[in-house]
Amino acid sequence: DTSMPTEPGGQGLTNFRDLRLQALVDGDRTALTRLKERVRGERASVRISEALEPLLAVKDSASWGAGEAYAAWKSRSAASDSAVADAATPRLTDHLVRLMCRTRAPAGAIATGIVRRAQAAHFKGDAAAILERSRREDCVAAKSVPAAVLSGLANAVEAAAAK
């Protein structure tokens, strides 16, 4: 069932703390319908239409909030309390550092994306650790990250430390 959340496990890096659950309103349905109509390609269009069908069905969408799927999502959201989410920070940072430093990444694209993401105010990992690791010699892929992007991360880390 595509309306159910994924099972817990793996590395526990999913954070549902800011998840907001609510029934769709007509404006949401209209926007989703327009988005669906803009999809090019028959296969993609069919897949998106099938995925959106339960959401766009007014009766099904309205009853979702009383069903098993809603309860499962609500449970995941509650489990992402700050204590649980904060415990995931070191695991998230470690996972991102390993991804960032892989040499297989073409021209540092993954490393660049991670460094950019770490600059965001809502980033849940340790931006200082990512910056430090990107500067080490054994993090080959990070050497391809543009200097301006690394500078942005350094500025974000300094600003966070000043708070």
N, C-alpha and C. Protein backbone atom coordinates (compact mmCIF):
# COMPACT_ATOMS: atom_id res chain seq x y z
N ASP A 1 0.86 -1.19 0.00
CA ASP A 1 0.00 0.00 0.00
C ASP A 1 0.89 1.23 0.00
N THR A 2 0.80 2.07 -1.01
CA THR A 2 1.68 3.23 -1.14
C THR A 2 1.35 4.33 -0.15
N SER A 3 0.24 4.21 0.57
CA SER A 3 -0.09 5.25 1.54
C SER A 3 0.51 4.98 2.91
N MET A 4 1.18 3.84 3.05
CA MET A 4 1.79 3.48 4.32
C MET A 4 3.24 3.95 4.34
N PRO A 5 3.73 4.36 5.51
CA PRO A 5 5.14 4.75 5.61
C PRO A 5 6.04 3.53 5.52
N THR A 6 7.29 3.75 5.21
CA THR A 6 8.23 2.64 5.16
C THR A 6 8.44 2.11 6.56
N GLU A 7 8.86 0.87 6.63
CA GLU A 7 9.08 0.25 7.93
C GLU A 7 10.30 0.88 8.60
N PRO A 8 10.27 1.00 9.92
CA PRO A 8 11.45 1.54 10.60
C PRO A 8 12.60 0.56 10.47
N GLY A 9 13.78 1.04 10.63
CA GLY A 9 14.94 0.17 10.53
C GLY A 9 16.00 0.85 9.70
N GLY A 10 16.82 0.05 9.06
CA GLY A 10 17.90 0.62 8.28
C GLY A 10 18.81 1.41 9.21
N GLN A 11 19.15 2.58 8.78
CA GLN A 11 20.05 3.40 9.59
C GLN A 11 19.29 4.37 10.48
N GLY A 12 17.98 4.38 10.39
CA GLY A 12 17.20 5.27 11.25
C GLY A 12 17.45 6.73 10.95
N LEU A 13 17.62 7.06 9.70
CA LEU A 13 17.97 8.43 9.33
C LEU A 13 16.78 9.26 8.89
N THR A 14 15.60 8.67 8.89
CA THR A 14 14.42 9.41 8.48
C THR A 14 13.87 10.17 9.66
N ASN A 15 13.64 11.46 9.46
CA ASN A 15 13.14 12.30 10.54
C ASN A 15 11.77 12.84 10.13
N PHE A 16 10.74 12.41 10.83
CA PHE A 16 9.39 12.85 10.54
C PHE A 16 8.94 13.95 11.50
N ARG A 17 9.86 14.56 12.22
CA ARG A 17 9.51 15.53 13.26
C ARG A 17 8.65 16.67 12.72
N ASP A 18 8.92 17.14 11.54
CA ASP A 18 8.18 18.28 10.99
C ASP A 18 7.05 17.86 10.04
N LEU A 19 6.71 16.59 10.06
CA LEU A 19 5.64 16.08 9.20
C LEU A 19 4.30 16.65 9.65
N ARG A 20 3.55 17.16 8.69
CA ARG A 20 2.22 17.69 8.98
C ARG A 20 1.19 16.89 8.21
N LEU A 21 0.25 16.29 8.92
CA LEU A 21 -0.77 15.46 8.30
C LEU A 21 -2.10 16.20 8.31
N GLN A 22 -2.73 16.27 7.14
CA GLN A 22 -4.03 16.90 7.06
C GLN A 22 -4.73 16.44 5.78
N ALA A 23 -6.04 16.52 5.79
CA ALA A 23 -6.80 16.14 4.61
C ALA A 23 -6.58 17.16 3.50
N LEU A 24 -6.68 16.70 2.27
CA LEU A 24 -6.57 17.60 1.12
C LEU A 24 -7.79 18.51 1.05
N VAL A 25 -7.56 19.72 0.63
CA VAL A 25 -8.66 20.63 0.35
C VAL A 25 -8.76 20.75 -1.17
N ASP A 26 -9.82 21.38 -1.66
CA ASP A 26 -10.04 21.46 -3.11
C ASP A 26 -8.86 22.10 -3.84
N GLY A 27 -8.26 23.11 -3.26
CA GLY A 27 -7.11 23.76 -3.90
C GLY A 27 -5.95 22.80 -4.09
N ASP A 28 -5.75 21.90 -3.12
CA ASP A 28 -4.70 20.89 -3.23
C ASP A 28 -5.00 19.93 -4.38
N ARG A 29 -6.25 19.51 -4.46
CA ARG A 29 -6.64 18.59 -5.54
C ARG A 29 -6.45 19.25 -6.91
N THR A 30 -6.84 20.51 -7.00
CA THR A 30 -6.69 21.24 -8.27
C THR A 30 -5.22 21.32 -8.66
N ALA A 31 -4.36 21.65 -7.70
CA ALA A 31 -2.92 21.77 -7.99
C ALA A 31 -2.34 20.42 -8.40
N LEU A 32 -2.73 19.34 -7.73
CA LEU A 32 -2.23 18.02 -8.09
C LEU A 32 -2.72 17.59 -9.47
N THR A 33 -3.95 17.92 -9.79
CA THR A 33 -4.50 17.59 -11.11
C THR A 33 -3.74 18.34 -12.20
N ARG A 34 -3.47 19.61 -11.98
CA ARG A 34 -2.71 20.39 -12.97
C ARG A 34 -1.30 19.84 -13.14
N LEU A 35 -0.69 19.47 -12.02
CA LEU A 35 0.66 18.91 -12.06
C LEU A 35 0.65 17.60 -12.84
N LYS A 36 -0.33 16.77 -12.59
CA LYS A 36 -0.46 15.49 -13.29
C LYS A 36 -0.61 15.71 -14.79
N GLU A 37 -1.36 16.71 -15.19
CA GLU A 37 -1.61 16.98 -16.61
C GLU A 37 -0.36 17.49 -17.33
N ARG A 38 0.60 18.02 -16.59
CA ARG A 38 1.83 18.55 -17.21
C ARG A 38 2.89 17.49 -17.44
N VAL A 39 2.68 16.29 -16.91
CA VAL A 39 3.68 15.23 -17.04
C VAL A 39 3.75 14.75 -18.48
N ARG A 40 4.95 14.68 -19.00
CA ARG A 40 5.18 14.23 -20.38
C ARG A 40 5.58 12.74 -20.35
N GLY A 41 5.23 12.05 -21.34
CA GLY A 41 5.59 10.64 -21.43
C GLY A 41 4.47 9.76 -20.91
N GLU A 42 4.07 8.79 -21.71
CA GLU A 42 2.92 7.96 -21.36
C GLU A 42 3.15 7.14 -20.10
N ARG A 43 4.31 6.50 -19.99
CA ARG A 43 4.59 5.66 -18.81
C ARG A 43 4.58 6.48 -17.53
N ALA A 44 5.25 7.62 -17.56
CA ALA A 44 5.30 8.47 -16.37
C ALA A 44 3.91 9.00 -16.03
N SER A 45 3.17 9.37 -17.04
CA SER A 45 1.83 9.90 -16.83
C SER A 45 0.92 8.85 -16.19
N VAL A 46 1.00 7.63 -16.66
CA VAL A 46 0.17 6.54 -16.11
C VAL A 46 0.57 6.27 -14.66
N ARG A 47 1.86 6.20 -14.38
CA ARG A 47 2.31 5.93 -13.01
C ARG A 47 1.89 7.03 -12.05
N ILE A 48 2.02 8.26 -12.47
CA ILE A 48 1.64 9.37 -11.60
C ILE A 48 0.13 9.40 -11.41
N SER A 49 -0.61 9.15 -12.46
CA SER A 49 -2.07 9.12 -12.35
C SER A 49 -2.51 8.04 -11.37
N GLU A 50 -1.89 6.86 -11.47
CA GLU A 50 -2.24 5.77 -10.55
C GLU A 50 -1.88 6.11 -9.11
N ALA A 51 -0.74 6.76 -8.91
CA ALA A 51 -0.32 7.13 -7.55
C ALA A 51 -1.22 8.20 -6.96
N LEU A 52 -1.68 9.12 -7.79
CA LEU A 52 -2.50 10.23 -7.30
C LEU A 52 -3.98 9.88 -7.18
N GLU A 53 -4.40 8.80 -7.83
CA GLU A 53 -5.82 8.45 -7.84
C GLU A 53 -6.44 8.40 -6.44
N PRO A 54 -5.83 7.72 -5.46
CA PRO A 54 -6.45 7.68 -4.14
C PRO A 54 -6.51 9.07 -3.47
N LEU A 55 -5.52 9.90 -3.74
CA LEU A 55 -5.52 11.24 -3.15
C LEU A 55 -6.60 12.12 -3.74
N LEU A 56 -6.82 11.97 -5.03
CA LEU A 56 -7.76 12.84 -5.71
C LEU A 56 -9.21 12.39 -5.54
N ALA A 57 -9.41 11.15 -5.08
CA ALA A 57 -10.76 10.65 -4.82
C ALA A 57 -11.24 11.27 -3.50
N VAL A 58 -12.21 12.16 -3.58
CA VAL A 58 -12.66 12.92 -2.42
C VAL A 58 -13.07 12.01 -1.27
N LYS A 59 -13.85 10.98 -1.54
CA LYS A 59 -14.33 10.08 -0.49
C LYS A 59 -13.16 9.36 0.20
N ASP A 60 -12.25 8.80 -0.61
CA ASP A 60 -11.11 8.09 -0.04
C ASP A 60 -10.19 9.02 0.74
N SER A 61 -9.96 10.19 0.20
CA SER A 61 -9.08 11.15 0.85
C SER A 61 -9.66 11.61 2.20
N ALA A 62 -10.96 11.85 2.22
CA ALA A 62 -11.60 12.32 3.45
C ALA A 62 -11.59 11.25 4.54
N SER A 63 -11.71 9.97 4.15
CA SER A 63 -11.75 8.90 5.15
C SER A 63 -10.35 8.46 5.58
N TRP A 64 -9.33 8.91 4.88
CA TRP A 64 -7.96 8.49 5.19
C TRP A 64 -7.57 8.83 6.63
N GLY A 65 -8.01 9.99 7.12
CA GLY A 65 -7.64 10.43 8.46
C GLY A 65 -8.15 9.54 9.57
N ALA A 66 -9.10 8.67 9.28
CA ALA A 66 -9.62 7.76 10.30
C ALA A 66 -9.10 6.34 10.10
N GLY A 67 -8.25 6.15 9.13
CA GLY A 67 -7.82 4.81 8.78
C GLY A 67 -6.49 4.38 9.36
N GLU A 68 -6.12 3.17 8.98
CA GLU A 68 -4.88 2.55 9.45
C GLU A 68 -3.63 3.29 8.95
N ALA A 69 -3.67 3.76 7.71
CA ALA A 69 -2.51 4.45 7.15
C ALA A 69 -2.23 5.73 7.93
N TYR A 70 -3.27 6.48 8.26
CA TYR A 70 -3.09 7.71 9.04
C TYR A 70 -2.46 7.39 10.39
N ALA A 71 -2.95 6.35 11.04
CA ALA A 71 -2.42 5.97 12.35
C ALA A 71 -0.93 5.60 12.25
N ALA A 72 -0.57 4.91 11.17
CA ALA A 72 0.84 4.53 10.98
C ALA A 72 1.72 5.75 10.79
N TRP A 73 1.26 6.70 9.96
CA TRP A 73 2.03 7.93 9.75
C TRP A 73 2.11 8.74 11.04
N LYS A 74 1.02 8.83 11.76
CA LYS A 74 1.00 9.58 13.02
C LYS A 74 1.98 8.96 14.02
N SER A 75 2.03 7.65 14.05
CA SER A 75 2.96 6.95 14.93
C SER A 75 4.41 7.28 14.58
N ARG A 76 4.74 7.30 13.26
CA ARG A 76 6.10 7.64 12.84
C ARG A 76 6.44 9.08 13.23
N SER A 77 5.48 9.95 13.06
CA SER A 77 5.70 11.35 13.40
C SER A 77 5.98 11.51 14.88
N ALA A 78 5.21 10.83 15.71
CA ALA A 78 5.39 10.92 17.17
C ALA A 78 6.72 10.32 17.59
N ALA A 79 7.17 9.28 16.88
CA ALA A 79 8.44 8.64 17.22
C ALA A 79 9.64 9.51 16.89
N SER A 80 9.43 10.56 16.12
CA SER A 80 10.53 11.44 15.75
C SER A 80 10.63 12.63 16.68
N ASP A 81 10.31 12.41 17.95
CA ASP A 81 10.49 13.46 18.94
C ASP A 81 11.93 13.93 18.93
N SER A 82 12.20 15.04 19.54
CA SER A 82 13.54 15.61 19.49
C SER A 82 14.60 14.66 20.04
N ALA A 83 14.28 13.89 21.07
CA ALA A 83 15.28 12.97 21.62
C ALA A 83 15.69 11.93 20.59
N VAL A 84 14.71 11.38 19.87
CA VAL A 84 15.00 10.39 18.85
C VAL A 84 15.73 11.05 17.68
N ALA A 85 15.24 12.20 17.24
CA ALA A 85 15.84 12.89 16.11
C ALA A 85 17.26 13.34 16.42
N ASP A 86 17.48 13.85 17.63
CA ASP A 86 18.82 14.31 18.00
C ASP A 86 19.81 13.15 18.08
N ALA A 87 19.33 11.98 18.46
CA ALA A 87 20.20 10.80 18.52
C ALA A 87 20.63 10.37 17.12
N ALA A 88 19.86 10.74 16.11
CA ALA A 88 20.19 10.36 14.73
C ALA A 88 21.24 11.28 14.11
N THR A 89 21.51 12.44 14.72
CA THR A 89 22.45 13.41 14.13
C THR A 89 23.82 12.82 13.84
N PRO A 90 24.45 12.12 14.78
CA PRO A 90 25.77 11.55 14.45
C PRO A 90 25.70 10.50 13.34
N ARG A 91 24.64 9.69 13.32
CA ARG A 91 24.51 8.68 12.27
C ARG A 91 24.29 9.35 10.91
N LEU A 92 23.48 10.40 10.89
CA LEU A 92 23.24 11.12 9.64
C LEU A 92 24.54 11.73 9.13
N THR A 93 25.27 12.39 10.01
CA THR A 93 26.53 13.02 9.62
C THR A 93 27.51 11.98 9.09
N ASP A 94 27.64 10.86 9.79
CA ASP A 94 28.56 9.80 9.36
C ASP A 94 28.16 9.27 7.98
N HIS A 95 26.88 9.06 7.79
CA HIS A 95 26.38 8.56 6.50
C HIS A 95 26.69 9.55 5.38
N LEU A 96 26.43 10.83 5.61
CA LEU A 96 26.68 11.85 4.59
C LEU A 96 28.16 12.01 4.29
N VAL A 97 29.00 11.91 5.31
CA VAL A 97 30.45 12.02 5.10
C VAL A 97 30.94 10.86 4.23
N ARG A 98 30.43 9.65 4.52
CA ARG A 98 30.84 8.51 3.70
C ARG A 98 30.39 8.69 2.25
N LEU A 99 29.18 9.18 2.04
CA LEU A 99 28.71 9.45 0.67
C LEU A 99 29.55 10.53 0.01
N MET A 100 29.83 11.57 0.75
CA MET A 100 30.54 12.73 0.22
C MET A 100 31.95 12.37 -0.25
N CYS A 101 32.60 11.48 0.45
CA CYS A 101 34.00 11.20 0.17
C CYS A 101 34.24 10.03 -0.78
N ARG A 102 33.19 9.42 -1.27
CA ARG A 102 33.37 8.33 -2.23
C ARG A 102 33.96 8.86 -3.53
N THR A 103 34.94 8.17 -4.03
CA THR A 103 35.57 8.61 -5.27
C THR A 103 34.73 8.29 -6.49
N ARG A 104 33.74 7.42 -6.35
CA ARG A 104 32.89 7.06 -7.50
C ARG A 104 32.00 8.21 -7.95
N ALA A 105 31.76 9.14 -7.09
CA ALA A 105 30.85 10.25 -7.43
C ALA A 105 31.46 11.08 -8.56
N PRO A 106 30.72 11.25 -9.65
CA PRO A 106 31.27 11.99 -10.79
C PRO A 106 31.51 13.46 -10.47
N ALA A 107 32.75 13.86 -10.60
CA ALA A 107 33.16 15.26 -10.45
C ALA A 107 32.66 15.89 -9.16
N GLY A 108 32.54 15.12 -8.12
CA GLY A 108 32.16 15.67 -6.82
C GLY A 108 30.72 16.15 -6.73
N ALA A 109 29.85 15.66 -7.60
CA ALA A 109 28.45 16.12 -7.60
C ALA A 109 27.75 15.82 -6.29
N ILE A 110 27.95 14.62 -5.77
CA ILE A 110 27.31 14.25 -4.51
C ILE A 110 27.89 15.08 -3.38
N ALA A 111 29.21 15.23 -3.37
CA ALA A 111 29.87 16.02 -2.33
C ALA A 111 29.37 17.46 -2.36
N THR A 112 29.23 18.02 -3.54
CA THR A 112 28.73 19.39 -3.68
C THR A 112 27.31 19.50 -3.13
N GLY A 113 26.47 18.54 -3.46
CA GLY A 113 25.09 18.55 -2.95
C GLY A 113 25.04 18.45 -1.44
N ILE A 114 25.87 17.62 -0.86
CA ILE A 114 25.89 17.46 0.59
C ILE A 114 26.38 18.73 1.26
N VAL A 115 27.42 19.34 0.71
CA VAL A 115 27.95 20.58 1.29
C VAL A 115 26.90 21.69 1.21
N ARG A 116 26.20 21.75 0.09
CA ARG A 116 25.12 22.76 -0.03
C ARG A 116 24.01 22.49 0.97
N ARG A 117 23.63 21.24 1.12
CA ARG A 117 22.55 20.88 2.06
C ARG A 117 22.94 21.20 3.50
N ALA A 118 24.20 21.00 3.82
CA ALA A 118 24.67 21.25 5.18
C ALA A 118 24.62 22.73 5.55
N GLN A 119 24.52 23.60 4.57
CA GLN A 119 24.45 25.04 4.83
C GLN A 119 23.06 25.48 5.26
N ALA A 120 22.05 24.66 5.00
CA ALA A 120 20.66 25.04 5.28
C ALA A 120 20.41 25.14 6.78
N ALA A 121 19.61 26.10 7.17
CA ALA A 121 19.30 26.32 8.58
C ALA A 121 18.60 25.11 9.19
N HIS A 122 17.83 24.37 8.40
CA HIS A 122 17.09 23.22 8.90
C HIS A 122 17.87 21.90 8.80
N PHE A 123 19.15 21.97 8.45
CA PHE A 123 19.97 20.77 8.33
C PHE A 123 20.07 20.06 9.67
N LYS A 124 19.83 18.76 9.69
CA LYS A 124 19.79 17.99 10.94
C LYS A 124 21.11 17.31 11.28
N GLY A 125 22.10 17.41 10.42
CA GLY A 125 23.39 16.80 10.70
C GLY A 125 24.34 17.80 11.34
N ASP A 126 25.61 17.44 11.42
CA ASP A 126 26.65 18.28 12.00
C ASP A 126 27.44 18.94 10.87
N ALA A 127 27.09 20.17 10.56
CA ALA A 127 27.72 20.89 9.44
C ALA A 127 29.21 21.08 9.67
N ALA A 128 29.62 21.32 10.91
CA ALA A 128 31.05 21.52 11.21
C ALA A 128 31.84 20.24 10.89
N ALA A 129 31.29 19.09 11.21
CA ALA A 129 31.97 17.82 10.94
C ALA A 129 32.08 17.59 9.43
N ILE A 130 31.05 17.95 8.70
CA ILE A 130 31.09 17.80 7.24
C ILE A 130 32.14 18.73 6.64
N LEU A 131 32.21 19.95 7.12
CA LEU A 131 33.24 20.89 6.65
C LEU A 131 34.64 20.36 6.94
N GLU A 132 34.84 19.91 8.16
CA GLU A 132 36.15 19.40 8.58
C GLU A 132 36.55 18.22 7.71
N ARG A 133 35.62 17.30 7.49
CA ARG A 133 35.93 16.10 6.71
C ARG A 133 36.19 16.45 5.24
N SER A 134 35.50 17.45 4.72
CA SER A 134 35.71 17.84 3.33
C SER A 134 37.10 18.39 3.08
N ARG A 135 37.75 18.85 4.13
CA ARG A 135 39.09 19.44 4.01
C ARG A 135 40.22 18.41 4.10
N ARG A 136 39.88 17.19 4.50
CA ARG A 136 40.92 16.17 4.67
C ARG A 136 41.36 15.62 3.32
N GLU A 137 42.61 15.22 3.25
CA GLU A 137 43.20 14.71 2.01
C GLU A 137 42.53 13.44 1.52
N ASP A 138 42.05 12.59 2.43
CA ASP A 138 41.47 11.32 2.00
C ASP A 138 40.03 11.44 1.50
N CYS A 139 39.48 12.65 1.51
CA CYS A 139 38.14 12.87 0.98
C CYS A 139 38.29 13.42 -0.44
N VAL A 140 38.62 12.52 -1.35
CA VAL A 140 38.98 12.89 -2.71
C VAL A 140 37.84 13.61 -3.45
N ALA A 141 36.64 13.11 -3.34
CA ALA A 141 35.51 13.70 -4.08
C ALA A 141 35.25 15.14 -3.65
N ALA A 142 35.51 15.47 -2.41
CA ALA A 142 35.27 16.84 -1.92
C ALA A 142 36.21 17.85 -2.55
N LYS A 143 37.29 17.38 -3.13
CA LYS A 143 38.23 18.30 -3.78
C LYS A 143 37.60 18.94 -5.02
N SER A 144 36.54 18.35 -5.53
CA SER A 144 35.85 18.89 -6.71
C SER A 144 34.72 19.86 -6.35
N VAL A 145 34.46 20.04 -5.06
CA VAL A 145 33.41 20.97 -4.64
C VAL A 145 33.91 22.39 -4.92
N PRO A 146 33.11 23.22 -5.59
CA PRO A 146 33.53 24.59 -5.87
C PRO A 146 33.90 25.35 -4.58
N ALA A 147 34.93 26.15 -4.66
CA ALA A 147 35.42 26.90 -3.50
C ALA A 147 34.32 27.78 -2.89
N ALA A 148 33.46 28.35 -3.73
CA ALA A 148 32.39 29.21 -3.22
C ALA A 148 31.40 28.42 -2.38
N VAL A 149 31.16 27.17 -2.74
CA VAL A 149 30.24 26.32 -1.98
C VAL A 149 30.86 25.97 -0.62
N LEU A 150 32.14 25.61 -0.62
CA LEU A 150 32.83 25.32 0.64
C LEU A 150 32.90 26.56 1.52
N SER A 151 33.12 27.69 0.91
CA SER A 151 33.15 28.95 1.66
C SER A 151 31.79 29.23 2.30
N GLY A 152 30.73 28.95 1.57
CA GLY A 152 29.38 29.12 2.11
C GLY A 152 29.16 28.25 3.33
N LEU A 153 29.65 27.01 3.28
CA LEU A 153 29.52 26.11 4.43
C LEU A 153 30.34 26.63 5.60
N ALA A 154 31.55 27.09 5.34
CA ALA A 154 32.39 27.64 6.41
C ALA A 154 31.69 28.83 7.07
N ASN A 155 31.09 29.70 6.28
CA ASN A 155 30.36 30.84 6.84
C ASN A 155 29.16 30.39 7.67
N ALA A 156 28.45 29.38 7.20
CA ALA A 156 27.28 28.87 7.95
C ALA A 156 27.73 28.25 9.27
N VAL A 157 28.84 27.53 9.26
CA VAL A 157 29.36 26.94 10.49
C VAL A 157 29.78 28.02 11.48
N GLU A 158 30.47 29.05 10.99
CA GLU A 158 30.87 30.16 11.86
C GLU A 158 29.66 30.88 12.44
N ALA A 159 28.64 31.10 11.62
CA ALA A 159 27.44 31.78 12.09
C ALA A 159 26.73 30.96 13.16
N ALA A 160 26.67 29.64 12.96
CA ALA A 160 26.03 28.76 13.94
C ALA A 160 26.81 28.75 15.25
N ALA A 161 28.14 28.78 15.16
CA ALA A 161 28.98 28.77 16.37
C ALA A 161 28.83 30.07 17.14
N ALA A 162 28.57 31.14 16.43
CA ALA A 162 28.44 32.45 17.09
C ALA A 162 27.13 32.60 17.86
N LYS A 163 26.16 31.74 17.54
CA LYS A 163 24.85 31.85 18.22
C LYS A 163 24.88 31.32 19.61
